[in-house]
Amino acid sequence: MAHDWPHDAPSCRRIQQALAERVDTQDDLPPVQTIGGIDIGFEDGGRTTRAAAVVLDAETLEVREKALARVPTRMPYIPGLLSFREIPGALAALEQLSALPDLALVDGHGIAHPRRLGVATHLGLVTGLPTIGVAKKRLTGQHDDVPNERGAWVPLLDKDETIGAVLRSRVSVKPIFISAGHRVSLESALAWTLKALTRYRLPETTRVADRLASNR
């Protein structure tokens, strides 16, 4: 779903509000044979966006393909508008892949966002890909304590609305925040995140993409 990429906050917020009405949080998935990871880093004091896209086998988690794109950073960091800063780089990285993944786990939030349009949801709407938000920190909402056992989770709530899940991906390690991006339900988002986890806090999709985006 193409749209303009303005640089000013009011225009970006108007686009967010319009796009949020088009988000699909029901499962609309193809047979998932590959899962992707998207992560963004920065170079040159933030002037260059370093975007990574990786494709893993959905069953074995073996890496099938990696792509890295460097593009000029188009706007400064503005809370709540991170997707406008990061997605142009992500699109450039995705364009380098020989084939898009069937499902993408994005480093960031899906609908667990004040205007229900985090980077994972926004990217899903722009590309048409089914997406899941996998974030390290809470952006909005409240939750109870998460039991200290792997796979335990509690709802992330905004008033009476469930906007995500707070998942304990590793015992005695801070939980991660999972939310539907686009074309994926919360239940499936949790299931696919758990499937992509090994012995680390973050799923392999995020770990592989993060190493590439961070030049590690």
C-alpha atoms as a PDB file:
ATOM      1  CA  MET A   1       0.000   0.000   0.000  1.00  0.00           C
ATOM      2  CA  ALA A   2       1.997   2.955  -1.281  1.00  0.00           C
ATOM      3  CA  HIS A   3       1.849   6.409   0.294  1.00  0.00           C
ATOM      4  CA  ASP A   4       3.935   9.558   0.527  1.00  0.00           C
ATOM      5  CA  TRP A   5       6.783   9.693   3.043  1.00  0.00           C
ATOM      6  CA  PRO A   6       6.531  13.142   4.633  1.00  0.00           C
ATOM      7  CA  HIS A   7       9.177  14.505   6.975  1.00  0.00           C
ATOM      8  CA  ASP A   8       6.949  16.486   9.347  1.00  0.00           C
ATOM      9  CA  ALA A   9       5.263  14.928  12.363  1.00  0.00           C
ATOM     10  CA  PRO A  10       1.664  16.143  11.746  1.00  0.00           C
ATOM     11  CA  SER A  11       1.599  14.663   8.222  1.00  0.00           C
ATOM     12  CA  CYS A  12       3.061  11.384   9.481  1.00  0.00           C
ATOM     13  CA  ARG A  13       0.409  11.136  12.179  1.00  0.00           C
ATOM     14  CA  ARG A  14      -2.362  11.714   9.651  1.00  0.00           C
ATOM     15  CA  ILE A  15      -1.009   8.865   7.540  1.00  0.00           C
ATOM     16  CA  GLN A  16      -0.835   6.639  10.613  1.00  0.00           C
ATOM     17  CA  GLN A  17      -4.457   7.323  11.442  1.00  0.00           C
ATOM     18  CA  ALA A  18      -5.582   6.538   7.897  1.00  0.00           C
ATOM     19  CA  LEU A  19      -3.519   3.344   7.647  1.00  0.00           C
ATOM     20  CA  ALA A  20      -4.603   2.055  11.056  1.00  0.00           C
ATOM     21  CA  GLU A  21      -8.111   1.581   9.682  1.00  0.00           C
ATOM     22  CA  ARG A  22      -6.755  -0.942   7.151  1.00  0.00           C
ATOM     23  CA  VAL A  23      -4.899  -3.212   9.578  1.00  0.00           C
ATOM     24  CA  ASP A  24      -5.926  -6.878   9.533  1.00  0.00           C
ATOM     25  CA  THR A  25      -5.258  -8.772  12.769  1.00  0.00           C
ATOM     26  CA  GLN A  26      -6.855 -12.005  11.588  1.00  0.00           C
ATOM     27  CA  ASP A  27      -4.768 -14.837  10.183  1.00  0.00           C
ATOM     28  CA  ASP A  28      -4.319 -14.465   6.438  1.00  0.00           C
ATOM     29  CA  LEU A  29      -1.162 -16.503   6.011  1.00  0.00           C
ATOM     30  CA  PRO A  30       0.145 -18.544   3.107  1.00  0.00           C
ATOM     31  CA  PRO A  31       1.775 -21.897   3.853  1.00  0.00           C
ATOM     32  CA  VAL A  32       4.765 -20.640   5.842  1.00  0.00           C
ATOM     33  CA  GLN A  33       7.992 -22.199   4.600  1.00  0.00           C
ATOM     34  CA  THR A  34      10.234 -19.216   5.303  1.00  0.00           C
ATOM     35  CA  ILE A  35      10.272 -16.589   8.036  1.00  0.00           C
ATOM     36  CA  GLY A  36      12.020 -13.275   7.766  1.00  0.00           C
ATOM     37  CA  GLY A  37      13.714 -10.923  10.164  1.00  0.00           C
ATOM     38  CA  ILE A  38      13.935  -7.142   9.779  1.00  0.00           C
ATOM     39  CA  ASP A  39      16.225  -4.952  11.868  1.00  0.00           C
ATOM     40  CA  ILE A  40      17.575  -1.422  11.524  1.00  0.00           C
ATOM     41  CA  GLY A  41      20.842   0.131  12.657  1.00  0.00           C
ATOM     42  CA  PHE A  42      22.525   3.465  12.006  1.00  0.00           C
ATOM     43  CA  GLU A  43      25.964   4.656  10.954  1.00  0.00           C
ATOM     44  CA  ASP A  44      27.758   7.979  10.599  1.00  0.00           C
ATOM     45  CA  GLY A  45      26.232   9.416  13.730  1.00  0.00           C
ATOM     46  CA  GLY A  46      22.751   8.461  12.536  1.00  0.00           C
ATOM     47  CA  ARG A  47      23.072   9.992   9.078  1.00  0.00           C
ATOM     48  CA  THR A  48      22.999   6.576   7.364  1.00  0.00           C
ATOM     49  CA  THR A  49      20.346   3.925   7.942  1.00  0.00           C
ATOM     50  CA  ARG A  50      21.734   0.384   7.882  1.00  0.00           C
ATOM     51  CA  ALA A  51      18.815  -1.985   7.195  1.00  0.00           C
ATOM     52  CA  ALA A  52      18.984  -5.770   7.322  1.00  0.00           C
ATOM     53  CA  ALA A  53      16.537  -8.334   5.964  1.00  0.00           C
ATOM     54  CA  VAL A  54      17.114 -12.054   6.472  1.00  0.00           C
ATOM     55  CA  VAL A  55      15.226 -15.176   5.437  1.00  0.00           C
ATOM     56  CA  LEU A  56      15.286 -18.353   7.525  1.00  0.00           C
ATOM     57  CA  ASP A  57      13.834 -21.794   6.945  1.00  0.00           C
ATOM     58  CA  ALA A  58      10.654 -21.938   9.011  1.00  0.00           C
ATOM     59  CA  GLU A  59      11.357 -25.452  10.294  1.00  0.00           C
ATOM     60  CA  THR A  60      15.119 -25.609  10.780  1.00  0.00           C
ATOM     61  CA  LEU A  61      15.819 -21.884  11.300  1.00  0.00           C
ATOM     62  CA  GLU A  62      18.753 -22.185   8.925  1.00  0.00           C
ATOM     63  CA  VAL A  63      19.631 -18.926   7.174  1.00  0.00           C
ATOM     64  CA  ARG A  64      18.682 -18.980   3.494  1.00  0.00           C
ATOM     65  CA  GLU A  65      19.445 -15.419   2.513  1.00  0.00           C
ATOM     66  CA  LYS A  66      20.658 -12.081   3.876  1.00  0.00           C
ATOM     67  CA  ALA A  67      20.425  -8.585   2.470  1.00  0.00           C
ATOM     68  CA  LEU A  68      21.843  -5.307   3.719  1.00  0.00           C
ATOM     69  CA  ALA A  69      20.976  -1.833   2.479  1.00  0.00           C
ATOM     70  CA  ARG A  70      22.415   1.548   3.389  1.00  0.00           C
ATOM     71  CA  VAL A  71      20.284   4.610   2.695  1.00  0.00           C
ATOM     72  CA  PRO A  72      20.395   8.217   3.921  1.00  0.00           C
ATOM     73  CA  THR A  73      18.407   8.607   7.128  1.00  0.00           C
ATOM     74  CA  ARG A  74      15.338  10.536   6.085  1.00  0.00           C
ATOM     75  CA  MET A  75      14.116  11.986   9.377  1.00  0.00           C
ATOM     76  CA  PRO A  76      15.165  12.287  13.035  1.00  0.00           C
ATOM     77  CA  TYR A  77      13.910  10.051  15.788  1.00  0.00           C
ATOM     78  CA  ILE A  78      10.441  11.194  16.857  1.00  0.00           C
ATOM     79  CA  PRO A  79       8.625   9.101  19.487  1.00  0.00           C
ATOM     80  CA  GLY A  80       5.695   7.220  17.955  1.00  0.00           C
ATOM     81  CA  LEU A  81       6.888   7.836  14.379  1.00  0.00           C
ATOM     82  CA  LEU A  82       9.797   5.403  14.235  1.00  0.00           C
ATOM     83  CA  SER A  83       8.379   3.570  11.211  1.00  0.00           C
ATOM     84  CA  PHE A  84       8.767   6.659   9.008  1.00  0.00           C
ATOM     85  CA  ARG A  85      12.455   6.732   9.928  1.00  0.00           C
ATOM     86  CA  GLU A  86      13.112   3.002   9.494  1.00  0.00           C
ATOM     87  CA  ILE A  87      10.844   1.568   6.792  1.00  0.00           C
ATOM     88  CA  PRO A  88      12.501   3.198   3.740  1.00  0.00           C
ATOM     89  CA  GLY A  89      15.686   1.338   4.643  1.00  0.00           C
ATOM     90  CA  ALA A  90      13.791  -1.892   5.297  1.00  0.00           C
ATOM     91  CA  LEU A  91      12.162  -1.657   1.873  1.00  0.00           C
ATOM     92  CA  ALA A  92      15.561  -1.204   0.245  1.00  0.00           C
ATOM     93  CA  ALA A  93      16.855  -4.340   1.997  1.00  0.00           C
ATOM     94  CA  LEU A  94      13.766  -6.386   1.081  1.00  0.00           C
ATOM     95  CA  GLU A  95      14.185  -5.411  -2.565  1.00  0.00           C
ATOM     96  CA  GLN A  96      17.583  -7.120  -2.591  1.00  0.00           C
ATOM     97  CA  LEU A  97      16.171 -10.514  -1.621  1.00  0.00           C
ATOM     98  CA  SER A  98      15.612 -13.075  -4.351  1.00  0.00           C
ATOM     99  CA  ALA A  99      12.291 -13.972  -2.704  1.00  0.00           C
ATOM    100  CA  LEU A 100      10.352 -12.397   0.139  1.00  0.00           C
ATOM    101  CA  PRO A 101       9.699 -14.469   3.272  1.00  0.00           C
ATOM    102  CA  ASP A 102       6.230 -15.899   3.819  1.00  0.00           C
ATOM    103  CA  LEU A 103       6.090 -14.204   7.235  1.00  0.00           C
ATOM    104  CA  ALA A 104       8.256 -11.454   8.733  1.00  0.00           C
ATOM    105  CA  LEU A 105       9.168 -10.885  12.381  1.00  0.00           C
ATOM    106  CA  VAL A 106      10.079  -7.227  12.721  1.00  0.00           C
ATOM    107  CA  ASP A 107      12.225  -5.683  15.440  1.00  0.00           C
ATOM    108  CA  GLY A 108       9.627  -3.302  16.827  1.00  0.00           C
ATOM    109  CA  HIS A 109       5.961  -3.101  17.674  1.00  0.00           C
ATOM    110  CA  GLY A 110       2.931  -4.060  15.631  1.00  0.00           C
ATOM    111  CA  ILE A 111      -0.396  -2.735  16.893  1.00  0.00           C
ATOM    112  CA  ALA A 112       1.040  -2.259  20.405  1.00  0.00           C
ATOM    113  CA  HIS A 113       1.415   1.409  19.538  1.00  0.00           C
ATOM    114  CA  PRO A 114      -0.570   4.484  20.651  1.00  0.00           C
ATOM    115  CA  ARG A 115      -2.082   4.814  17.155  1.00  0.00           C
ATOM    116  CA  ARG A 116      -1.966   1.042  16.466  1.00  0.00           C
ATOM    117  CA  LEU A 117       0.641   1.498  13.741  1.00  0.00           C
ATOM    118  CA  GLY A 118       4.077   0.433  14.880  1.00  0.00           C
ATOM    119  CA  VAL A 119       6.861  -0.393  12.454  1.00  0.00           C
ATOM    120  CA  ALA A 120       5.773  -4.028  11.989  1.00  0.00           C
ATOM    121  CA  THR A 121       2.196  -3.082  11.154  1.00  0.00           C
ATOM    122  CA  HIS A 122       3.258  -0.214   8.916  1.00  0.00           C
ATOM    123  CA  LEU A 123       5.709  -2.430   7.030  1.00  0.00           C
ATOM    124  CA  GLY A 124       3.043  -5.089   6.569  1.00  0.00           C
ATOM    125  CA  LEU A 125       0.609  -2.587   5.097  1.00  0.00           C
ATOM    126  CA  VAL A 126       3.206  -1.129   2.735  1.00  0.00           C
ATOM    127  CA  THR A 127       4.503  -4.489   1.489  1.00  0.00           C
ATOM    128  CA  GLY A 128       1.460  -6.733   1.898  1.00  0.00           C
ATOM    129  CA  LEU A 129       3.568  -9.165   3.950  1.00  0.00           C
ATOM    130  CA  PRO A 130       2.169 -10.878   7.034  1.00  0.00           C
ATOM    131  CA  THR A 131       4.129  -9.334   9.908  1.00  0.00           C
ATOM    132  CA  ILE A 132       4.679  -9.733  13.640  1.00  0.00           C
ATOM    133  CA  GLY A 133       6.050  -7.134  16.022  1.00  0.00           C
ATOM    134  CA  VAL A 134       8.786  -8.370  18.377  1.00  0.00           C
ATOM    135  CA  ALA A 135       9.933  -5.536  20.626  1.00  0.00           C
ATOM    136  CA  LYS A 136      12.391  -5.354  23.501  1.00  0.00           C
ATOM    137  CA  LYS A 137      10.602  -2.580  25.395  1.00  0.00           C
ATOM    138  CA  ARG A 138       7.028  -1.514  26.050  1.00  0.00           C
ATOM    139  CA  LEU A 139       5.778   1.496  24.131  1.00  0.00           C
ATOM    140  CA  THR A 140       2.242   1.685  25.503  1.00  0.00           C
ATOM    141  CA  GLY A 141      -0.186  -0.382  27.559  1.00  0.00           C
ATOM    142  CA  GLN A 142      -0.090  -2.103  30.944  1.00  0.00           C
ATOM    143  CA  HIS A 143       0.469  -5.684  32.022  1.00  0.00           C
ATOM    144  CA  ASP A 144       0.739  -7.943  35.031  1.00  0.00           C
ATOM    145  CA  ASP A 145       3.948  -9.654  36.074  1.00  0.00           C
ATOM    146  CA  VAL A 146       5.002 -12.472  33.768  1.00  0.00           C
ATOM    147  CA  PRO A 147       5.622 -15.854  35.428  1.00  0.00           C
ATOM    148  CA  ASN A 148       9.307 -16.767  35.450  1.00  0.00           C
ATOM    149  CA  GLU A 149       9.113 -19.713  33.082  1.00  0.00           C
ATOM    150  CA  ARG A 150       9.924 -19.971  29.395  1.00  0.00           C
ATOM    151  CA  GLY A 151       6.846 -19.525  27.218  1.00  0.00           C
ATOM    152  CA  ALA A 152       4.760 -17.845  29.920  1.00  0.00           C
ATOM    153  CA  TRP A 153       2.960 -14.695  28.866  1.00  0.00           C
ATOM    154  CA  VAL A 154       0.391 -12.152  30.000  1.00  0.00           C
ATOM    155  CA  PRO A 155      -1.786  -9.809  27.926  1.00  0.00           C
ATOM    156  CA  LEU A 156      -0.619  -6.299  27.138  1.00  0.00           C
ATOM    157  CA  LEU A 157      -3.672  -4.130  27.665  1.00  0.00           C
ATOM    158  CA  ASP A 158      -4.710  -0.630  26.699  1.00  0.00           C
ATOM    159  CA  LYS A 159      -7.781  -0.059  28.844  1.00  0.00           C
ATOM    160  CA  ASP A 160     -10.029  -2.990  27.846  1.00  0.00           C
ATOM    161  CA  GLU A 161      -8.254  -3.777  24.576  1.00  0.00           C
ATOM    162  CA  THR A 162      -5.634  -6.497  24.270  1.00  0.00           C
ATOM    163  CA  ILE A 163      -2.929  -5.031  22.042  1.00  0.00           C
ATOM    164  CA  GLY A 164      -0.230  -7.631  22.505  1.00  0.00           C
ATOM    165  CA  ALA A 165       1.429 -10.148  24.773  1.00  0.00           C
ATOM    166  CA  VAL A 166       4.355  -9.898  27.177  1.00  0.00           C
ATOM    167  CA  LEU A 167       6.327 -13.109  26.683  1.00  0.00           C
ATOM    168  CA  ARG A 168       8.974 -14.698  28.890  1.00  0.00           C
ATOM    169  CA  SER A 169      11.278 -16.079  26.224  1.00  0.00           C
ATOM    170  CA  ARG A 170      13.979 -17.181  28.680  1.00  0.00           C
ATOM    171  CA  VAL A 171      13.919 -17.862  32.410  1.00  0.00           C
ATOM    172  CA  SER A 172      15.076 -14.956  34.611  1.00  0.00           C
ATOM    173  CA  VAL A 173      15.485 -12.654  31.585  1.00  0.00           C
ATOM    174  CA  LYS A 174      13.387  -9.599  30.796  1.00  0.00           C
ATOM    175  CA  PRO A 175      10.308 -10.470  28.722  1.00  0.00           C
ATOM    176  CA  ILE A 176       9.706  -9.352  25.153  1.00  0.00           C
ATOM    177  CA  PHE A 177       6.641  -7.668  23.690  1.00  0.00           C
ATOM    178  CA  ILE A 178       4.770  -9.474  20.930  1.00  0.00           C
ATOM    179  CA  SER A 179       1.964  -7.970  18.887  1.00  0.00           C
ATOM    180  CA  ALA A 180       0.114  -8.612  15.676  1.00  0.00           C
ATOM    181  CA  GLY A 181       1.525  -6.640  12.783  1.00  0.00           C
ATOM    182  CA  HIS A 182      -0.653  -7.233   9.728  1.00  0.00           C
ATOM    183  CA  ARG A 183      -2.455 -10.353   8.462  1.00  0.00           C
ATOM    184  CA  VAL A 184      -1.534 -12.240  11.651  1.00  0.00           C
ATOM    185  CA  SER A 185      -3.504 -12.834  14.850  1.00  0.00           C
ATOM    186  CA  LEU A 186      -1.957 -12.435  18.276  1.00  0.00           C
ATOM    187  CA  GLU A 187      -2.252 -16.186  18.847  1.00  0.00           C
ATOM    188  CA  SER A 188      -0.283 -16.925  15.688  1.00  0.00           C
ATOM    189  CA  ALA A 189       2.198 -14.157  16.481  1.00  0.00           C
ATOM    190  CA  LEU A 190       2.974 -15.854  19.781  1.00  0.00           C
ATOM    191  CA  ALA A 191       3.170 -19.304  18.218  1.00  0.00           C
ATOM    192  CA  TRP A 192       5.567 -18.211  15.477  1.00  0.00           C
ATOM    193  CA  THR A 193       7.729 -16.254  17.900  1.00  0.00           C
ATOM    194  CA  LEU A 194       8.037 -19.286  20.154  1.00  0.00           C
ATOM    195  CA  LYS A 195       8.861 -21.438  17.137  1.00  0.00           C
ATOM    196  CA  ALA A 196      11.700 -19.049  16.218  1.00  0.00           C
ATOM    197  CA  LEU A 197      13.182 -19.025  19.723  1.00  0.00           C
ATOM    198  CA  THR A 198      16.209 -21.084  20.642  1.00  0.00           C
ATOM    199  CA  ARG A 199      18.126 -20.523  23.901  1.00  0.00           C
ATOM    200  CA  TYR A 200      18.246 -16.743  23.651  1.00  0.00           C
ATOM    201  CA  ARG A 201      15.936 -13.922  24.650  1.00  0.00           C
ATOM    202  CA  LEU A 202      15.183 -12.935  21.053  1.00  0.00           C
ATOM    203  CA  PRO A 203      13.992 -15.137  18.166  1.00  0.00           C
ATOM    204  CA  GLU A 204      16.588 -16.228  15.630  1.00  0.00           C
ATOM    205  CA  THR A 205      15.062 -13.978  12.967  1.00  0.00           C
ATOM    206  CA  THR A 206      15.794 -10.928  15.096  1.00  0.00           C
ATOM    207  CA  ARG A 207      19.208 -12.141  16.226  1.00  0.00           C
ATOM    208  CA  VAL A 208      20.471 -12.799  12.703  1.00  0.00           C
ATOM    209  CA  ALA A 209      19.065  -9.516  11.375  1.00  0.00           C
ATOM    210  CA  ASP A 210      20.418  -7.562  14.343  1.00  0.00           C
ATOM    211  CA  ARG A 211      23.958  -8.862  13.839  1.00  0.00           C
ATOM    212  CA  LEU A 212      23.802  -7.827  10.191  1.00  0.00           C
ATOM    213  CA  ALA A 213      22.263  -4.413  10.894  1.00  0.00           C
ATOM    214  CA  SER A 214      24.744  -3.739  13.705  1.00  0.00           C
ATOM    215  CA  ASN A 215      27.795  -4.896  11.719  1.00  0.00           C
ATOM    216  CA  ARG A 216      28.645  -7.604  14.257  1.00  0.00           C
END
